PDB file of N, CA and C in Angstrom:
ATOM      1  N   UNK A   1      65.707  24.726  53.868  1.00  0.00           N
ATOM      2  CA  UNK A   1      64.275  24.697  54.050  1.00  0.00           C
ATOM      3  C   UNK A   1      63.817  26.118  54.326  1.00  0.00           C
ATOM      4  N   UNK A   2      62.703  26.485  53.760  1.00  0.00           N
ATOM      5  CA  UNK A   2      62.129  27.815  53.923  1.00  0.00           C
ATOM      6  C   UNK A   2      60.694  27.643  54.385  1.00  0.00           C
ATOM      7  N   UNK A   3      60.255  28.481  55.297  1.00  0.00           N
ATOM      8  CA  UNK A   3      58.855  28.472  55.711  1.00  0.00           C
ATOM      9  C   UNK A   3      58.146  29.585  54.962  1.00  0.00           C
ATOM     10  N   UNK A   4      57.070  29.252  54.280  1.00  0.00           N
ATOM     11  CA  UNK A   4      56.321  30.236  53.507  1.00  0.00           C
ATOM     12  C   UNK A   4      54.914  30.365  54.063  1.00  0.00           C
ATOM     13  N   UNK A   5      54.333  31.528  53.847  1.00  0.00           N
ATOM     14  CA  UNK A   5      52.922  31.728  54.142  1.00  0.00           C
ATOM     15  C   UNK A   5      52.150  31.459  52.856  1.00  0.00           C
ATOM     16  N   UNK A   6      50.855  31.230  52.934  1.00  0.00           N
ATOM     17  CA  UNK A   6      50.091  30.943  51.721  1.00  0.00           C
ATOM     18  C   UNK A   6      50.218  32.019  50.653  1.00  0.00           C
ATOM     19  N   UNK A   7      50.346  33.276  51.029  1.00  0.00           N
ATOM     20  CA  UNK A   7      50.471  34.345  50.041  1.00  0.00           C
ATOM     21  C   UNK A   7      51.736  34.195  49.213  1.00  0.00           C
ATOM     22  N   UNK A   8      52.763  33.570  49.784  1.00  0.00           N
ATOM     23  CA  UNK A   8      54.007  33.367  49.050  1.00  0.00           C
ATOM     24  C   UNK A   8      53.954  32.109  48.193  1.00  0.00           C
ATOM     25  N   UNK A   9      53.030  31.217  48.473  1.00  0.00           N
ATOM     26  CA  UNK A   9      52.925  29.970  47.732  1.00  0.00           C
ATOM     27  C   UNK A   9      52.151  30.164  46.443  1.00  0.00           C
ATOM     28  N   UNK A  10      52.208  29.193  45.580  1.00  0.00           N
ATOM     29  CA  UNK A  10      51.493  29.231  44.320  1.00  0.00           C
ATOM     30  C   UNK A  10      50.096  28.684  44.546  1.00  0.00           C
ATOM     31  N   UNK A  11      49.096  29.551  44.489  1.00  0.00           N
ATOM     32  CA  UNK A  11      47.725  29.111  44.745  1.00  0.00           C
ATOM     33  C   UNK A  11      47.225  28.152  43.678  1.00  0.00           C
ATOM     34  N   UNK A  12      47.901  28.085  42.526  1.00  0.00           N
ATOM     35  CA  UNK A  12      47.506  27.196  41.447  1.00  0.00           C
ATOM     36  C   UNK A  12      48.183  25.829  41.543  1.00  0.00           C
ATOM     37  N   UNK A  13      48.988  25.620  42.571  1.00  0.00           N
ATOM     38  CA  UNK A  13      49.699  24.348  42.719  1.00  0.00           C
ATOM     39  C   UNK A  13      48.720  23.199  42.895  1.00  0.00           C
ATOM     40  N   UNK A  14      49.107  22.051  42.379  1.00  0.00           N
ATOM     41  CA  UNK A  14      48.324  20.837  42.557  1.00  0.00           C
ATOM     42  C   UNK A  14      48.894  20.120  43.774  1.00  0.00           C
ATOM     43  N   UNK A  15      48.099  20.016  44.819  1.00  0.00           N
ATOM     44  CA  UNK A  15      48.530  19.393  46.071  1.00  0.00           C
ATOM     45  C   UNK A  15      48.171  17.920  46.053  1.00  0.00           C
ATOM     46  N   UNK A  16      49.112  17.082  46.474  1.00  0.00           N
ATOM     47  CA  UNK A  16      48.932  15.632  46.498  1.00  0.00           C
ATOM     48  C   UNK A  16      49.097  15.155  47.928  1.00  0.00           C
ATOM     49  N   UNK A  17      48.108  14.402  48.406  1.00  0.00           N
ATOM     50  CA  UNK A  17      48.160  13.881  49.771  1.00  0.00           C
ATOM     51  C   UNK A  17      49.062  12.656  49.819  1.00  0.00           C
ATOM     52  N   UNK A  18      49.792  12.545  50.891  1.00  0.00           N
ATOM     53  CA  UNK A  18      50.679  11.402  51.086  1.00  0.00           C
ATOM     54  C   UNK A  18      49.893  10.103  51.044  1.00  0.00           C
ATOM     55  N   UNK A  19      50.452   9.087  50.411  1.00  0.00           N
ATOM     56  CA  UNK A  19      49.794   7.776  50.367  1.00  0.00           C
ATOM     57  C   UNK A  19      49.798   7.107  51.744  1.00  0.00           C
ATOM     58  N   UNK A  20      50.622   7.605  52.650  1.00  0.00           N
ATOM     59  CA  UNK A  20      50.675   7.065  54.010  1.00  0.00           C
ATOM     60  C   UNK A  20      49.699   7.759  54.956  1.00  0.00           C
ATOM     61  N   UNK A  21      49.009   8.797  54.482  1.00  0.00           N
ATOM     62  CA  UNK A  21      48.037   9.488  55.312  1.00  0.00           C
ATOM     63  C   UNK A  21      46.817   8.603  55.502  1.00  0.00           C
ATOM     64  N   UNK A  22      46.202   8.735  56.649  1.00  0.00           N
ATOM     65  CA  UNK A  22      45.014   7.920  56.909  1.00  0.00           C
ATOM     66  C   UNK A  22      43.840   8.442  56.094  1.00  0.00           C
ATOM     67  N   UNK A  23      42.904   7.561  55.827  1.00  0.00           N
ATOM     68  CA  UNK A  23      41.699   7.951  55.095  1.00  0.00           C
ATOM     69  C   UNK A  23      40.542   8.253  56.038  1.00  0.00           C
ATOM     70  N   UNK A  24      40.765   8.088  57.328  1.00  0.00           N
ATOM     71  CA  UNK A  24      39.720   8.331  58.316  1.00  0.00           C
ATOM     72  C   UNK A  24      39.679   9.780  58.748  1.00  0.00           C
ATOM     73  N   UNK A  25      39.104  10.014  59.908  1.00  0.00           N
ATOM     74  CA  UNK A  25      38.963  11.361  60.432  1.00  0.00           C
ATOM     75  C   UNK A  25      40.110  11.770  61.350  1.00  0.00           C
ATOM     76  N   UNK A  26      41.161  10.971  61.403  1.00  0.00           N
ATOM     77  CA  UNK A  26      42.265  11.289  62.293  1.00  0.00           C
ATOM     78  C   UNK A  26      42.951  12.585  61.893  1.00  0.00           C
ATOM     79  N   UNK A  27      43.007  12.866  60.615  1.00  0.00           N
ATOM     80  CA  UNK A  27      43.543  14.132  60.143  1.00  0.00           C
ATOM     81  C   UNK A  27      45.049  14.232  60.104  1.00  0.00           C
ATOM     82  N   UNK A  28      45.761  13.111  60.214  1.00  0.00           N
ATOM     83  CA  UNK A  28      47.229  13.181  60.179  1.00  0.00           C
ATOM     84  C   UNK A  28      47.698  13.071  58.730  1.00  0.00           C
ATOM     85  N   UNK A  29      47.553  14.178  58.003  1.00  0.00           N
ATOM     86  CA  UNK A  29      47.837  14.169  56.571  1.00  0.00           C
ATOM     87  C   UNK A  29      48.851  15.236  56.199  1.00  0.00           C
ATOM     88  N   UNK A  30      49.704  14.874  55.265  1.00  0.00           N
ATOM     89  CA  UNK A  30      50.681  15.785  54.705  1.00  0.00           C
ATOM     90  C   UNK A  30      50.420  15.850  53.209  1.00  0.00           C
ATOM     91  N   UNK A  31      50.531  17.046  52.643  1.00  0.00           N
ATOM     92  CA  UNK A  31      50.359  17.218  51.211  1.00  0.00           C
ATOM     93  C   UNK A  31      51.605  17.889  50.641  1.00  0.00           C
ATOM     94  N   UNK A  32      51.913  17.557  49.401  1.00  0.00           N
ATOM     95  CA  UNK A  32      53.055  18.163  48.718  1.00  0.00           C
ATOM     96  C   UNK A  32      52.603  18.718  47.366  1.00  0.00           C
ATOM     97  N   UNK A  33      53.330  19.725  46.899  1.00  0.00           N
ATOM     98  CA  UNK A  33      53.053  20.313  45.587  1.00  0.00           C
ATOM     99  C   UNK A  33      54.378  20.739  44.967  1.00  0.00           C
ATOM    100  N   UNK A  34      54.464  20.595  43.671  1.00  0.00           N
ATOM    101  CA  UNK A  34      55.662  21.039  42.942  1.00  0.00           C
ATOM    102  C   UNK A  34      55.491  22.499  42.552  1.00  0.00           C
ATOM    103  N   UNK A  35      56.515  23.270  42.804  1.00  0.00           N
ATOM    104  CA  UNK A  35      56.578  24.663  42.376  1.00  0.00           C
ATOM    105  C   UNK A  35      57.912  24.821  41.641  1.00  0.00           C
ATOM    106  N   UNK A  36      58.131  25.911  40.938  1.00  0.00           N
ATOM    107  CA  UNK A  36      59.401  26.070  40.221  1.00  0.00           C
ATOM    108  C   UNK A  36      60.609  25.926  41.160  1.00  0.00           C
ATOM    109  N   UNK A  37      61.430  24.922  40.900  1.00  0.00           N
ATOM    110  CA  UNK A  37      62.655  24.648  41.655  1.00  0.00           C
ATOM    111  C   UNK A  37      62.427  24.363  43.134  1.00  0.00           C
ATOM    112  N   UNK A  38      61.197  24.062  43.529  1.00  0.00           N
ATOM    113  CA  UNK A  38      60.853  23.899  44.936  1.00  0.00           C
ATOM    114  C   UNK A  38      59.774  22.836  45.097  1.00  0.00           C
ATOM    115  N   UNK A  39      59.801  22.147  46.221  1.00  0.00           N
ATOM    116  CA  UNK A  39      58.714  21.248  46.611  1.00  0.00           C
ATOM    117  C   UNK A  39      58.097  21.841  47.875  1.00  0.00           C
ATOM    118  N   UNK A  40      56.795  22.088  47.840  1.00  0.00           N
ATOM    119  CA  UNK A  40      56.079  22.660  48.976  1.00  0.00           C
ATOM    120  C   UNK A  40      55.429  21.547  49.784  1.00  0.00           C
ATOM    121  N   UNK A  41      55.409  21.695  51.101  1.00  0.00           N
ATOM    122  CA  UNK A  41      54.810  20.717  52.001  1.00  0.00           C
ATOM    123  C   UNK A  41      53.919  21.467  52.977  1.00  0.00           C
ATOM    124  N   UNK A  42      52.700  20.945  53.205  1.00  0.00           N
ATOM    125  CA  UNK A  42      51.789  21.583  54.150  1.00  0.00           C
ATOM    126  C   UNK A  42      50.987  20.540  54.907  1.00  0.00           C
ATOM    127  N   UNK A  43      50.383  20.971  55.976  1.00  0.00           N
ATOM    128  CA  UNK A  43      49.475  20.160  56.778  1.00  0.00           C
ATOM    129  C   UNK A  43      48.094  20.277  56.154  1.00  0.00           C
ATOM    130  N   UNK A  44      47.503  19.175  55.740  1.00  0.00           N
ATOM    131  CA  UNK A  44      46.213  19.241  55.054  1.00  0.00           C
ATOM    132  C   UNK A  44      45.085  19.712  55.965  1.00  0.00           C
ATOM    133  N   UNK A  45      45.290  19.670  57.279  1.00  0.00           N
ATOM    134  CA  UNK A  45      44.275  20.172  58.207  1.00  0.00           C
ATOM    135  C   UNK A  45      44.299  21.701  58.277  1.00  0.00           C
ATOM    136  N   UNK A  46      45.381  22.311  57.802  1.00  0.00           N
ATOM    137  CA  UNK A  46      45.541  23.756  57.881  1.00  0.00           C
ATOM    138  C   UNK A  46      46.054  24.269  56.537  1.00  0.00           C
ATOM    139  N   UNK A  47      45.235  24.155  55.513  1.00  0.00           N
ATOM    140  CA  UNK A  47      45.661  24.483  54.152  1.00  0.00           C
ATOM    141  C   UNK A  47      46.041  25.944  53.969  1.00  0.00           C
ATOM    142  N   UNK A  48      45.534  26.820  54.790  1.00  0.00           N
ATOM    143  CA  UNK A  48      45.873  28.246  54.683  1.00  0.00           C
ATOM    144  C   UNK A  48      47.026  28.627  55.603  1.00  0.00           C
ATOM    145  N   UNK A  49      47.520  27.662  56.351  1.00  0.00           N
ATOM    146  CA  UNK A  49      48.618  27.914  57.275  1.00  0.00           C
ATOM    147  C   UNK A  49      49.956  27.908  56.567  1.00  0.00           C
ATOM    148  N   UNK A  50      51.013  27.974  57.344  1.00  0.00           N
ATOM    149  CA  UNK A  50      52.352  27.999  56.742  1.00  0.00           C
ATOM    150  C   UNK A  50      52.678  26.699  56.028  1.00  0.00           C
ATOM    151  N   UNK A  51      53.609  26.793  55.115  1.00  0.00           N
ATOM    152  CA  UNK A  51      54.083  25.611  54.405  1.00  0.00           C
ATOM    153  C   UNK A  51      55.596  25.648  54.375  1.00  0.00           C
ATOM    154  N   UNK A  52      56.183  24.504  54.183  1.00  0.00           N
ATOM    155  CA  UNK A  52      57.630  24.410  54.065  1.00  0.00           C
ATOM    156  C   UNK A  52      57.995  24.304  52.590  1.00  0.00           C
ATOM    157  N   UNK A  53      59.114  24.896  52.231  1.00  0.00           N
ATOM    158  CA  UNK A  53      59.610  24.833  50.858  1.00  0.00           C
ATOM    159  C   UNK A  53      61.003  24.221  50.879  1.00  0.00           C
ATOM    160  N   UNK A  54      61.187  23.173  50.091  1.00  0.00           N
ATOM    161  CA  UNK A  54      62.469  22.481  50.008  1.00  0.00           C
ATOM    162  C   UNK A  54      63.010  22.600  48.593  1.00  0.00           C
ATOM    163  N   UNK A  55      64.324  22.755  48.474  1.00  0.00           N
ATOM    164  CA  UNK A  55      64.930  22.679  47.156  1.00  0.00           C
ATOM    165  C   UNK A  55      64.707  21.280  46.613  1.00  0.00           C
ATOM    166  N   UNK A  56      64.606  21.150  45.299  1.00  0.00           N
ATOM    167  CA  UNK A  56      64.318  19.848  44.686  1.00  0.00           C
ATOM    168  C   UNK A  56      65.317  18.777  45.116  1.00  0.00           C
ATOM    169  N   UNK A  57      66.595  19.127  45.158  1.00  0.00           N
ATOM    170  CA  UNK A  57      67.621  18.141  45.525  1.00  0.00           C
ATOM    171  C   UNK A  57      67.446  17.679  46.972  1.00  0.00           C
ATOM    172  N   UNK A  58      67.176  18.610  47.876  1.00  0.00           N
ATOM    173  CA  UNK A  58      66.971  18.248  49.288  1.00  0.00           C
ATOM    174  C   UNK A  58      65.761  17.337  49.434  1.00  0.00           C
ATOM    175  N   UNK A  59      64.700  17.606  48.694  1.00  0.00           N
ATOM    176  CA  UNK A  59      63.503  16.761  48.773  1.00  0.00           C
ATOM    177  C   UNK A  59      63.792  15.366  48.217  1.00  0.00           C
ATOM    178  N   UNK A  60      64.510  15.297  47.112  1.00  0.00           N
ATOM    179  CA  UNK A  60      64.846  14.003  46.520  1.00  0.00           C
ATOM    180  C   UNK A  60      65.692  13.174  47.491  1.00  0.00           C
ATOM    181  N   UNK A  61      66.658  13.818  48.135  1.00  0.00           N
ATOM    182  CA  UNK A  61      67.494  13.101  49.101  1.00  0.00           C
ATOM    183  C   UNK A  61      66.674  12.631  50.300  1.00  0.00           C
ATOM    184  N   UNK A  62      65.755  13.463  50.765  1.00  0.00           N
ATOM    185  CA  UNK A  62      64.889  13.077  51.880  1.00  0.00           C
ATOM    186  C   UNK A  62      64.018  11.879  51.509  1.00  0.00           C
ATOM    187  N   UNK A  63      63.394  11.917  50.336  1.00  0.00           N
ATOM    188  CA  UNK A  63      62.502  10.811  49.968  1.00  0.00           C
ATOM    189  C   UNK A  63      63.271   9.510  49.766  1.00  0.00           C
ATOM    190  N   UNK A  64      64.497   9.586  49.235  1.00  0.00           N
ATOM    191  CA  UNK A  64      65.309   8.375  49.103  1.00  0.00           C
ATOM    192  C   UNK A  64      65.658   7.827  50.481  1.00  0.00           C
ATOM    193  N   UNK A  65      66.014   8.698  51.412  1.00  0.00           N
ATOM    194  CA  UNK A  65      66.336   8.277  52.773  1.00  0.00           C
ATOM    195  C   UNK A  65      65.112   7.662  53.449  1.00  0.00           C
ATOM    196  N   UNK A  66      63.956   8.298  53.311  1.00  0.00           N
ATOM    197  CA  UNK A  66      62.732   7.794  53.935  1.00  0.00           C
ATOM    198  C   UNK A  66      62.320   6.439  53.362  1.00  0.00           C
ATOM    199  N   UNK A  67      62.549   6.234  52.078  1.00  0.00           N
ATOM    200  CA  UNK A  67      62.172   4.978  51.437  1.00  0.00           C
ATOM    201  C   UNK A  67      63.041   3.809  51.926  1.00  0.00           C
ATOM    202  N   UNK A  68      64.241   4.113  52.395  1.00  0.00           N
ATOM    203  CA  UNK A  68      65.128   3.064  52.901  1.00  0.00           C
ATOM    204  C   UNK A  68      64.638   2.480  54.218  1.00  0.00           C
ATOM    205  N   UNK A  69      63.928   3.286  55.010  1.00  0.00           N
ATOM    206  CA  UNK A  69      63.519   2.862  56.348  1.00  0.00           C
ATOM    207  C   UNK A  69      62.292   2.124  56.353  1.00  0.00           C
TER     208      UNK A  69
END
């Protein structure tokens, strides 16, 4: 896992909000975007803040694990 600043991220990335995020004003939202060989994750309340970068394989393993629970 790598922590990136917005300047290191792809500003043209298409960010997708988690389907588990609330639609209200609670603000507990996570967004993901695909970048070359990487999946970026950020807090939608702080879009200009830091983001996490995961290798594609690590992200795939995480999502499979999360789907089991």
